[in-house]
C-alpha atoms as a PDB file:
ATOM      1  CA  MET A   1      -7.615   3.742  20.918  1.00  0.00           C
ATOM      2  CA  GLN A   2      -7.600   0.119  19.789  1.00  0.00           C
ATOM      3  CA  LYS A   3     -10.832  -1.037  18.156  1.00  0.00           C
ATOM      4  CA  LYS A   4     -12.323  -4.368  17.224  1.00  0.00           C
ATOM      5  CA  ILE A   5     -12.814  -4.299  13.473  1.00  0.00           C
ATOM      6  CA  GLY A   6     -14.632  -6.686  11.157  1.00  0.00           C
ATOM      7  CA  PHE A   7     -13.514  -6.688   7.531  1.00  0.00           C
ATOM      8  CA  ILE A   8     -15.355  -8.529   4.760  1.00  0.00           C
ATOM      9  CA  GLY A   9     -13.614  -8.783   1.394  1.00  0.00           C
ATOM     10  CA  THR A  10      -9.823  -9.052   1.277  1.00  0.00           C
ATOM     11  CA  GLY A  11      -9.118  -8.734  -2.430  1.00  0.00           C
ATOM     12  CA  VAL A  12      -6.506  -6.641  -4.214  1.00  0.00           C
ATOM     13  CA  MET A  13      -7.294  -3.515  -2.180  1.00  0.00           C
ATOM     14  CA  GLY A  14      -8.906  -4.978   0.924  1.00  0.00           C
ATOM     15  CA  ALA A  15      -5.831  -6.996   1.884  1.00  0.00           C
ATOM     16  CA  SER A  16      -3.645  -3.885   1.951  1.00  0.00           C
ATOM     17  CA  ILE A  17      -6.213  -1.990   4.018  1.00  0.00           C
ATOM     18  CA  VAL A  18      -6.350  -4.820   6.570  1.00  0.00           C
ATOM     19  CA  ARG A  19      -2.561  -4.708   6.897  1.00  0.00           C
ATOM     20  CA  HIS A  20      -2.708  -0.979   7.637  1.00  0.00           C
ATOM     21  CA  LEU A  21      -5.341  -1.599  10.329  1.00  0.00           C
ATOM     22  CA  LEU A  22      -3.242  -4.358  11.908  1.00  0.00           C
ATOM     23  CA  LYS A  23      -0.130  -2.199  11.826  1.00  0.00           C
ATOM     24  CA  ALA A  24      -2.070   0.532  13.637  1.00  0.00           C
ATOM     25  CA  GLY A  25      -2.755  -1.920  16.455  1.00  0.00           C
ATOM     26  CA  HIS A  26      -6.393  -2.762  15.830  1.00  0.00           C
ATOM     27  CA  GLU A  27      -7.878  -6.228  16.311  1.00  0.00           C
ATOM     28  CA  VAL A  28      -9.192  -7.320  12.911  1.00  0.00           C
ATOM     29  CA  SER A  29     -11.508 -10.245  12.124  1.00  0.00           C
ATOM     30  CA  ILE A  30     -11.674 -11.033   8.413  1.00  0.00           C
ATOM     31  CA  PHE A  31     -13.932 -12.962   6.071  1.00  0.00           C
ATOM     32  CA  THR A  32     -13.552 -13.586   2.370  1.00  0.00           C
ATOM     33  CA  ARG A  33     -15.156 -16.254   0.211  1.00  0.00           C
ATOM     34  CA  THR A  34     -11.834 -17.938  -0.592  1.00  0.00           C
ATOM     35  CA  ALA A  35     -10.191 -18.679   2.756  1.00  0.00           C
ATOM     36  CA  GLU A  36      -6.834 -19.557   1.195  1.00  0.00           C
ATOM     37  CA  LYS A  37      -6.446 -16.020  -0.141  1.00  0.00           C
ATOM     38  CA  ALA A  38      -6.740 -14.643   3.391  1.00  0.00           C
ATOM     39  CA  ALA A  39      -4.034 -16.919   4.826  1.00  0.00           C
ATOM     40  CA  PRO A  40      -1.225 -14.313   4.528  1.00  0.00           C
ATOM     41  CA  LEU A  41      -3.350 -11.850   6.528  1.00  0.00           C
ATOM     42  CA  VAL A  42      -3.900 -14.444   9.243  1.00  0.00           C
ATOM     43  CA  ASP A  43      -0.112 -14.862   9.338  1.00  0.00           C
ATOM     44  CA  ASP A  44       0.098 -11.080   9.810  1.00  0.00           C
ATOM     45  CA  GLY A  45      -2.207 -11.203  12.819  1.00  0.00           C
ATOM     46  CA  ALA A  46      -5.768 -11.072  11.511  1.00  0.00           C
ATOM     47  CA  LYS A  47      -8.377 -13.488  12.850  1.00  0.00           C
ATOM     48  CA  TRP A  48     -10.225 -15.615  10.290  1.00  0.00           C
ATOM     49  CA  VAL A  49     -13.989 -16.025  10.808  1.00  0.00           C
ATOM     50  CA  SER A  50     -16.442 -18.211   8.912  1.00  0.00           C
ATOM     51  CA  SER A  51     -19.090 -15.642   7.859  1.00  0.00           C
ATOM     52  CA  PRO A  52     -19.879 -11.926   7.641  1.00  0.00           C
ATOM     53  CA  ARG A  53     -22.211 -12.450  10.593  1.00  0.00           C
ATOM     54  CA  GLU A  54     -19.342 -13.698  12.736  1.00  0.00           C
ATOM     55  CA  ALA A  55     -17.146 -10.797  11.625  1.00  0.00           C
ATOM     56  CA  ALA A  56     -19.740  -8.378  12.973  1.00  0.00           C
ATOM     57  CA  VAL A  57     -20.077  -9.984  16.407  1.00  0.00           C
ATOM     58  CA  GLU A  58     -18.511  -7.701  19.038  1.00  0.00           C
ATOM     59  CA  ALA A  59     -16.979  -5.415  16.384  1.00  0.00           C
ATOM     60  CA  ASP A  60     -16.915  -1.666  16.956  1.00  0.00           C
ATOM     61  CA  ILE A  61     -16.824  -1.009  13.222  1.00  0.00           C
ATOM     62  CA  VAL A  62     -17.352  -3.301  10.226  1.00  0.00           C
ATOM     63  CA  PHE A  63     -15.938  -2.659   6.764  1.00  0.00           C
ATOM     64  CA  THR A  64     -17.236  -4.335   3.625  1.00  0.00           C
ATOM     65  CA  MET A  65     -15.411  -4.309   0.301  1.00  0.00           C
ATOM     66  CA  VAL A  66     -16.813  -6.884  -2.099  1.00  0.00           C
ATOM     67  CA  GLY A  67     -17.407  -7.158  -5.827  1.00  0.00           C
ATOM     68  CA  TYR A  68     -20.930  -6.316  -6.919  1.00  0.00           C
ATOM     69  CA  PRO A  69     -24.133  -4.777  -5.512  1.00  0.00           C
ATOM     70  CA  HIS A  70     -25.687  -8.250  -5.195  1.00  0.00           C
ATOM     71  CA  ASP A  71     -22.676  -9.260  -3.067  1.00  0.00           C
ATOM     72  CA  VAL A  72     -23.235  -6.210  -0.871  1.00  0.00           C
ATOM     73  CA  GLU A  73     -26.900  -7.104  -0.499  1.00  0.00           C
ATOM     74  CA  GLU A  74     -26.008 -10.644   0.587  1.00  0.00           C
ATOM     75  CA  VAL A  75     -23.290  -9.502   3.005  1.00  0.00           C
ATOM     76  CA  TYR A  76     -25.698  -7.147   4.768  1.00  0.00           C
ATOM     77  CA  PHE A  77     -29.123  -8.782   4.565  1.00  0.00           C
ATOM     78  CA  SER A  78     -28.669 -12.576   4.394  1.00  0.00           C
ATOM     79  CA  ASP A  79     -29.090 -14.904   7.363  1.00  0.00           C
ATOM     80  CA  ASN A  80     -25.290 -14.977   7.684  1.00  0.00           C
ATOM     81  CA  GLY A  81     -24.927 -11.272   6.932  1.00  0.00           C
ATOM     82  CA  VAL A  82     -23.501  -8.556   9.129  1.00  0.00           C
ATOM     83  CA  PHE A  83     -26.859  -7.232  10.294  1.00  0.00           C
ATOM     84  CA  ALA A  84     -27.682 -10.690  11.664  1.00  0.00           C
ATOM     85  CA  GLY A  85     -24.625 -10.616  13.909  1.00  0.00           C
ATOM     86  CA  ALA A  86     -24.646  -6.950  14.806  1.00  0.00           C
ATOM     87  CA  SER A  87     -25.700  -5.028  17.894  1.00  0.00           C
ATOM     88  CA  LYS A  88     -26.832  -1.492  18.626  1.00  0.00           C
ATOM     89  CA  GLY A  89     -24.303   1.288  18.227  1.00  0.00           C
ATOM     90  CA  GLN A  90     -22.078  -0.460  15.707  1.00  0.00           C
ATOM     91  CA  ILE A  91     -20.835   1.345  12.605  1.00  0.00           C
ATOM     92  CA  PHE A  92     -20.899  -0.234   9.145  1.00  0.00           C
ATOM     93  CA  VAL A  93     -18.818   1.194   6.304  1.00  0.00           C
ATOM     94  CA  ASP A  94     -19.343  -0.151   2.786  1.00  0.00           C
ATOM     95  CA  MET A  95     -16.331   0.625   0.593  1.00  0.00           C
ATOM     96  CA  THR A  96     -17.617  -1.354  -2.380  1.00  0.00           C
ATOM     97  CA  THR A  97     -18.405   0.748  -5.420  1.00  0.00           C
ATOM     98  CA  SER A  98     -22.107   0.013  -5.451  1.00  0.00           C
ATOM     99  CA  SER A  99     -25.547   1.437  -6.100  1.00  0.00           C
ATOM    100  CA  PRO A 100     -26.529   4.694  -4.368  1.00  0.00           C
ATOM    101  CA  THR A 101     -30.010   3.228  -3.939  1.00  0.00           C
ATOM    102  CA  LEU A 102     -28.604   0.218  -2.091  1.00  0.00           C
ATOM    103  CA  ALA A 103     -26.492   2.504   0.103  1.00  0.00           C
ATOM    104  CA  ILE A 104     -29.659   4.304   1.175  1.00  0.00           C
ATOM    105  CA  LYS A 105     -31.393   0.977   1.873  1.00  0.00           C
ATOM    106  CA  ILE A 106     -28.497  -0.150   4.098  1.00  0.00           C
ATOM    107  CA  ALA A 107     -28.456   3.145   5.985  1.00  0.00           C
ATOM    108  CA  GLU A 108     -32.213   2.990   6.593  1.00  0.00           C
ATOM    109  CA  GLU A 109     -32.031  -0.587   7.861  1.00  0.00           C
ATOM    110  CA  ALA A 110     -29.102   0.243  10.126  1.00  0.00           C
ATOM    111  CA  GLU A 111     -31.061   3.118  11.614  1.00  0.00           C
ATOM    112  CA  LYS A 112     -34.039   0.837  12.303  1.00  0.00           C
ATOM    113  CA  LEU A 113     -31.712  -1.555  14.146  1.00  0.00           C
ATOM    114  CA  GLY A 114     -30.076   1.205  16.197  1.00  0.00           C
ATOM    115  CA  MET A 115     -26.843   1.063  14.192  1.00  0.00           C
ATOM    116  CA  HIS A 116     -25.026   3.452  11.871  1.00  0.00           C
ATOM    117  CA  ALA A 117     -24.044   2.947   8.221  1.00  0.00           C
ATOM    118  CA  MET A 118     -21.951   4.889   5.761  1.00  0.00           C
ATOM    119  CA  ASP A 119     -21.154   4.406   2.082  1.00  0.00           C
ATOM    120  CA  ALA A 120     -17.466   5.135   1.547  1.00  0.00           C
ATOM    121  CA  PRO A 121     -16.199   3.954  -1.841  1.00  0.00           C
ATOM    122  CA  VAL A 122     -12.535   4.567  -2.543  1.00  0.00           C
ATOM    123  CA  SER A 123     -10.281   5.566  -5.411  1.00  0.00           C
ATOM    124  CA  GLY A 124      -6.561   5.046  -5.836  1.00  0.00           C
ATOM    125  CA  GLY A 125      -6.361   1.405  -6.856  1.00  0.00           C
ATOM    126  CA  ASP A 126      -3.856  -1.112  -5.590  1.00  0.00           C
ATOM    127  CA  VAL A 127      -1.167   1.588  -5.317  1.00  0.00           C
ATOM    128  CA  GLY A 128      -3.294   3.825  -3.088  1.00  0.00           C
ATOM    129  CA  ALA A 129      -4.354   0.898  -0.908  1.00  0.00           C
ATOM    130  CA  ARG A 130      -0.781  -0.302  -0.506  1.00  0.00           C
ATOM    131  CA  ASN A 131       0.536   3.178   0.306  1.00  0.00           C
ATOM    132  CA  GLY A 132      -2.370   4.157   2.556  1.00  0.00           C
ATOM    133  CA  THR A 133      -3.225   7.122   0.318  1.00  0.00           C
ATOM    134  CA  LEU A 134      -6.719   6.265  -0.859  1.00  0.00           C
ATOM    135  CA  SER A 135      -9.292   8.917  -1.686  1.00  0.00           C
ATOM    136  CA  ILE A 136     -12.454   8.063   0.266  1.00  0.00           C
ATOM    137  CA  MET A 137     -15.869   9.489  -0.640  1.00  0.00           C
ATOM    138  CA  CYS A 138     -18.277   9.319   2.293  1.00  0.00           C
ATOM    139  CA  GLY A 139     -22.056   9.381   2.469  1.00  0.00           C
ATOM    140  CA  GLY A 140     -24.143   9.171   5.650  1.00  0.00           C
ATOM    141  CA  ASP A 141     -24.813  11.321   8.675  1.00  0.00           C
ATOM    142  CA  LYS A 142     -22.047  13.621   9.884  1.00  0.00           C
ATOM    143  CA  GLU A 143     -21.856  12.028  13.340  1.00  0.00           C
ATOM    144  CA  THR A 144     -21.095   8.601  11.839  1.00  0.00           C
ATOM    145  CA  PHE A 145     -18.510  10.164   9.554  1.00  0.00           C
ATOM    146  CA  ALA A 146     -16.810  11.850  12.516  1.00  0.00           C
ATOM    147  CA  SER A 147     -16.762   8.581  14.470  1.00  0.00           C
ATOM    148  CA  ALA A 148     -15.278   6.591  11.594  1.00  0.00           C
ATOM    149  CA  LEU A 149     -12.768   9.239  10.483  1.00  0.00           C
ATOM    150  CA  PRO A 150      -9.857   8.258  12.794  1.00  0.00           C
ATOM    151  CA  VAL A 151      -9.949   4.722  11.359  1.00  0.00           C
ATOM    152  CA  LEU A 152     -10.356   5.904   7.766  1.00  0.00           C
ATOM    153  CA  GLU A 153      -7.283   8.112   8.191  1.00  0.00           C
ATOM    154  CA  ILE A 154      -5.171   4.978   8.697  1.00  0.00           C
ATOM    155  CA  PHE A 155      -5.459   4.064   5.018  1.00  0.00           C
ATOM    156  CA  GLY A 156      -6.788   7.203   3.322  1.00  0.00           C
ATOM    157  CA  SER A 157      -5.199  10.577   2.664  1.00  0.00           C
ATOM    158  CA  GLN A 158      -8.125  12.385   1.012  1.00  0.00           C
ATOM    159  CA  ILE A 159     -11.285  11.716   3.024  1.00  0.00           C
ATOM    160  CA  VAL A 160     -14.248  13.891   2.105  1.00  0.00           C
ATOM    161  CA  TYR A 161     -17.779  13.958   3.478  1.00  0.00           C
ATOM    162  CA  GLN A 162     -20.069  14.173   0.444  1.00  0.00           C
ATOM    163  CA  GLY A 163     -23.491  14.306   2.103  1.00  0.00           C
ATOM    164  CA  LYS A 164     -26.316  12.005   3.164  1.00  0.00           C
ATOM    165  CA  ALA A 165     -26.484   8.253   2.508  1.00  0.00           C
ATOM    166  CA  GLY A 166     -25.789   7.475  -1.160  1.00  0.00           C
ATOM    167  CA  ALA A 167     -23.765  10.646  -1.754  1.00  0.00           C
ATOM    168  CA  GLY A 168     -20.480   8.760  -1.458  1.00  0.00           C
ATOM    169  CA  GLN A 169     -21.569   6.354  -4.183  1.00  0.00           C
ATOM    170  CA  HIS A 170     -22.707   9.202  -6.432  1.00  0.00           C
ATOM    171  CA  ALA A 171     -19.301  10.872  -5.963  1.00  0.00           C
ATOM    172  CA  LYS A 172     -17.619   7.593  -6.896  1.00  0.00           C
ATOM    173  CA  MET A 173     -19.696   7.494 -10.083  1.00  0.00           C
ATOM    174  CA  CYS A 174     -18.264  10.920 -10.959  1.00  0.00           C
ATOM    175  CA  ASN A 175     -14.799   9.450 -10.359  1.00  0.00           C
ATOM    176  CA  GLN A 176     -15.423   6.420 -12.581  1.00  0.00           C
ATOM    177  CA  ILE A 177     -16.899   8.529 -15.373  1.00  0.00           C
ATOM    178  CA  ALA A 178     -13.777  10.699 -15.382  1.00  0.00           C
ATOM    179  CA  ILE A 179     -11.512   7.638 -15.409  1.00  0.00           C
ATOM    180  CA  ALA A 180     -13.430   5.887 -18.197  1.00  0.00           C
ATOM    181  CA  THR A 181     -13.078   8.654 -20.747  1.00  0.00           C
ATOM    182  CA  ASN A 182      -9.591   9.620 -19.563  1.00  0.00           C
ATOM    183  CA  MET A 183      -8.398   6.048 -20.162  1.00  0.00           C
ATOM    184  CA  ILE A 184      -9.409   6.356 -23.801  1.00  0.00           C
ATOM    185  CA  GLY A 185      -7.349   9.538 -24.025  1.00  0.00           C
ATOM    186  CA  VAL A 186      -4.307   7.870 -22.425  1.00  0.00           C
ATOM    187  CA  CYS A 187      -4.449   4.932 -24.830  1.00  0.00           C
ATOM    188  CA  GLU A 188      -4.953   7.121 -27.887  1.00  0.00           C
ATOM    189  CA  ALA A 189      -2.047   9.379 -26.891  1.00  0.00           C
ATOM    190  CA  LEU A 190       0.254   6.355 -26.661  1.00  0.00           C
ATOM    191  CA  ALA A 191      -1.066   4.884 -29.923  1.00  0.00           C
ATOM    192  CA  TYR A 192      -0.462   8.202 -31.694  1.00  0.00           C
ATOM    193  CA  GLY A 193       3.040   8.557 -30.242  1.00  0.00           C
ATOM    194  CA  LYS A 194       3.909   5.027 -31.318  1.00  0.00           C
ATOM    195  CA  LYS A 195       2.728   5.602 -34.890  1.00  0.00           C
ATOM    196  CA  ALA A 196       4.707   8.841 -35.000  1.00  0.00           C
ATOM    197  CA  GLY A 197       7.858   6.921 -34.083  1.00  0.00           C
ATOM    198  CA  LEU A 198       8.400   8.637 -30.735  1.00  0.00           C
ATOM    199  CA  ASP A 199      10.014   7.137 -27.661  1.00  0.00           C
ATOM    200  CA  LEU A 200       6.931   6.697 -25.495  1.00  0.00           C
ATOM    201  CA  ASP A 201       8.760   6.837 -22.165  1.00  0.00           C
ATOM    202  CA  THR A 202      10.106  10.222 -23.216  1.00  0.00           C
ATOM    203  CA  VAL A 203       6.630  11.321 -24.296  1.00  0.00           C
ATOM    204  CA  LEU A 204       5.248  10.369 -20.873  1.00  0.00           C
ATOM    205  CA  GLU A 205       8.006  12.362 -19.202  1.00  0.00           C
ATOM    206  CA  SER A 206       6.689  15.484 -20.927  1.00  0.00           C
ATOM    207  CA  ILE A 207       2.935  15.057 -20.936  1.00  0.00           C
ATOM    208  CA  SER A 208       2.482  13.512 -17.477  1.00  0.00           C
ATOM    209  CA  SER A 209       3.625  16.723 -15.825  1.00  0.00           C
ATOM    210  CA  GLY A 210       1.746  19.097 -18.144  1.00  0.00           C
ATOM    211  CA  ALA A 211      -1.904  20.000 -18.607  1.00  0.00           C
ATOM    212  CA  ALA A 212      -2.676  16.447 -19.789  1.00  0.00           C
ATOM    213  CA  GLY A 213      -1.470  14.957 -16.518  1.00  0.00           C
ATOM    214  CA  SER A 214      -3.689  12.454 -14.690  1.00  0.00           C
ATOM    215  CA  TRP A 215      -3.417   9.563 -12.263  1.00  0.00           C
ATOM    216  CA  SER A 216      -3.978   7.097 -15.092  1.00  0.00           C
ATOM    217  CA  LEU A 217      -1.312   8.711 -17.259  1.00  0.00           C
ATOM    218  CA  SER A 218       1.261   8.628 -14.445  1.00  0.00           C
ATOM    219  CA  ASN A 219       0.446   5.217 -12.970  1.00  0.00           C
ATOM    220  CA  LEU A 220      -1.150   3.088 -15.685  1.00  0.00           C
ATOM    221  CA  ALA A 221       0.483   4.287 -18.911  1.00  0.00           C
ATOM    222  CA  PRO A 222       3.897   2.968 -17.751  1.00  0.00           C
ATOM    223  CA  ARG A 223       2.251  -0.398 -17.073  1.00  0.00           C
ATOM    224  CA  MET A 224       0.834  -0.397 -20.599  1.00  0.00           C
ATOM    225  CA  LEU A 225       4.276   0.234 -22.073  1.00  0.00           C
ATOM    226  CA  SER A 226       5.895  -2.510 -19.996  1.00  0.00           C
ATOM    227  CA  GLY A 227       3.206  -5.020 -20.936  1.00  0.00           C
ATOM    228  CA  ASN A 228       1.872  -5.258 -17.386  1.00  0.00           C
ATOM    229  CA  PHE A 229      -1.894  -5.701 -17.590  1.00  0.00           C
ATOM    230  CA  GLU A 230      -2.430  -7.353 -14.212  1.00  0.00           C
ATOM    231  CA  PRO A 231      -5.245  -5.827 -12.182  1.00  0.00           C
ATOM    232  CA  GLY A 232      -4.944  -2.921  -9.854  1.00  0.00           C
ATOM    233  CA  PHE A 233      -8.647  -2.795 -10.615  1.00  0.00           C
ATOM    234  CA  TYR A 234     -10.440  -5.469 -12.648  1.00  0.00           C
ATOM    235  CA  ILE A 235     -12.101  -4.657 -15.968  1.00  0.00           C
ATOM    236  CA  LYS A 236     -15.091  -6.798 -14.944  1.00  0.00           C
ATOM    237  CA  HIS A 237     -15.589  -4.627 -11.848  1.00  0.00           C
ATOM    238  CA  PHE A 238     -15.113  -1.437 -13.845  1.00  0.00           C
ATOM    239  CA  LEU A 239     -17.877  -2.550 -16.207  1.00  0.00           C
ATOM    240  CA  LYS A 240     -20.153  -2.935 -13.188  1.00  0.00           C
ATOM    241  CA  ASP A 241     -19.326   0.624 -12.112  1.00  0.00           C
ATOM    242  CA  MET A 242     -19.998   2.040 -15.570  1.00  0.00           C
ATOM    243  CA  ASP A 243     -23.335   0.223 -15.702  1.00  0.00           C
ATOM    244  CA  ILE A 244     -24.357   1.750 -12.361  1.00  0.00           C
ATOM    245  CA  ALA A 245     -23.351   5.216 -13.592  1.00  0.00           C
ATOM    246  CA  LEU A 246     -25.270   4.811 -16.840  1.00  0.00           C
ATOM    247  CA  GLN A 247     -28.371   3.572 -14.988  1.00  0.00           C
ATOM    248  CA  GLU A 248     -28.244   6.502 -12.575  1.00  0.00           C
ATOM    249  CA  ALA A 249     -27.663   8.945 -15.461  1.00  0.00           C
ATOM    250  CA  GLU A 250     -30.660   7.540 -17.341  1.00  0.00           C
ATOM    251  CA  ALA A 251     -32.810   7.998 -14.228  1.00  0.00           C
ATOM    252  CA  MET A 252     -31.713  11.656 -14.179  1.00  0.00           C
ATOM    253  CA  ASN A 253     -32.317  12.080 -17.949  1.00  0.00           C
ATOM    254  CA  LEU A 254     -28.620  12.734 -18.455  1.00  0.00           C
ATOM    255  CA  ARG A 255     -26.828  11.640 -21.638  1.00  0.00           C
ATOM    256  CA  LEU A 256     -23.172  10.547 -21.253  1.00  0.00           C
ATOM    257  CA  PRO A 257     -21.818   9.607 -24.721  1.00  0.00           C
ATOM    258  CA  GLY A 258     -18.184   9.400 -23.579  1.00  0.00           C
ATOM    259  CA  LEU A 259     -19.034   6.919 -20.851  1.00  0.00           C
ATOM    260  CA  SER A 260     -21.192   4.915 -23.257  1.00  0.00           C
ATOM    261  CA  LEU A 261     -18.250   4.624 -25.672  1.00  0.00           C
ATOM    262  CA  ALA A 262     -15.855   3.511 -22.931  1.00  0.00           C
ATOM    263  CA  ARG A 263     -18.382   0.961 -21.694  1.00  0.00           C
ATOM    264  CA  LYS A 264     -18.685  -0.529 -25.207  1.00  0.00           C
ATOM    265  CA  MET A 265     -14.905  -0.731 -25.612  1.00  0.00           C
ATOM    266  CA  TYR A 266     -14.443  -2.476 -22.277  1.00  0.00           C
ATOM    267  CA  ASP A 267     -17.335  -4.828 -23.029  1.00  0.00           C
ATOM    268  CA  ASP A 268     -15.514  -5.856 -26.201  1.00  0.00           C
ATOM    269  CA  LEU A 269     -12.406  -6.644 -24.138  1.00  0.00           C
ATOM    270  CA  VAL A 270     -14.438  -8.862 -21.821  1.00  0.00           C
ATOM    271  CA  ALA A 271     -15.756 -10.726 -24.867  1.00  0.00           C
ATOM    272  CA  GLU A 272     -12.130 -11.302 -25.869  1.00  0.00           C
ATOM    273  CA  GLY A 273     -11.306 -12.797 -22.448  1.00  0.00           C
ATOM    274  CA  TYR A 274      -9.717  -9.801 -20.708  1.00  0.00           C
ATOM    275  CA  GLY A 275     -12.287  -9.332 -17.916  1.00  0.00           C
ATOM    276  CA  SER A 276      -9.819 -10.261 -15.168  1.00  0.00           C
ATOM    277  CA  LYS A 277      -7.119  -7.913 -16.443  1.00  0.00           C
ATOM    278  CA  GLY A 278      -6.572  -4.378 -15.161  1.00  0.00           C
ATOM    279  CA  THR A 279      -8.341  -1.373 -16.650  1.00  0.00           C
ATOM    280  CA  GLN A 280      -5.100  -0.416 -18.436  1.00  0.00           C
ATOM    281  CA  ALA A 281      -5.757  -3.379 -20.759  1.00  0.00           C
ATOM    282  CA  LEU A 282      -7.870  -0.985 -22.828  1.00  0.00           C
ATOM    283  CA  TYR A 283      -4.554  -0.437 -24.605  1.00  0.00           C
ATOM    284  CA  PHE A 284      -5.131  -3.783 -26.355  1.00  0.00           C
ATOM    285  CA  ALA A 285      -7.824  -2.054 -28.439  1.00  0.00           C
ATOM    286  CA  TYR A 286      -5.058   0.070 -30.027  1.00  0.00           C
ATOM    287  CA  LEU A 287      -2.345  -2.519 -30.565  1.00  0.00           C
ATOM    288  CA  ASP A 288      -1.680  -3.798 -34.066  1.00  0.00           C
END
């Protein structure tokens, strides 16, 4: 059944998701802060609107996928935010990797207004978004999850209900923690292989399919070797995610030394001007 969908945030991943929704026959209204970047989506059939509020008007379901928690807060709660243009019964799905506490705040406000909200951060990067194979981690009530699922299945292949509001964001923190320390391992494996005089493409052929295999090893290590450090996911956004995870861990009295090390290494890259590169640019820390 065709739905009216509002979509706020058409960056590296959001643009691909919008294209999947359009291809599935849905009517999609889009808003992003830089209108020029959304022009190709308008050419593909999306409708450009001037604010998040306008994107929410008459929508059955509204997706948000922006940069930082403060962006999420503005998109939902400002005078031009989605809540200001919404009506009872609508569903809001925040796919930004954001704070679990903020996810709970959004869900509580939606409930007060007679609406439904779900936190549903994703994993899979630009490749997963383009191929429609994202992993989606969902928090909220089960009825909202069931209602949103047919739309989520258009661009996700692994869609898991994690629990009440905020649970999706906590699951995403687990994902980012695993990626952060794994990326160090990927870079150090390549640095070691290079020093040992091995052909690194041949090394990847062996270790990517063995016990060391990971998404980062299969998808990002080849980019490192080819010198492609353009973002599937920005370092500056990854730093934000690691900060959220460390703050939540501190609140739970949990020590995460591996994550702390990765955060420091990425912070050093930002200081060197690599904040808008992809997370695979950690490899620069190991280059001579």
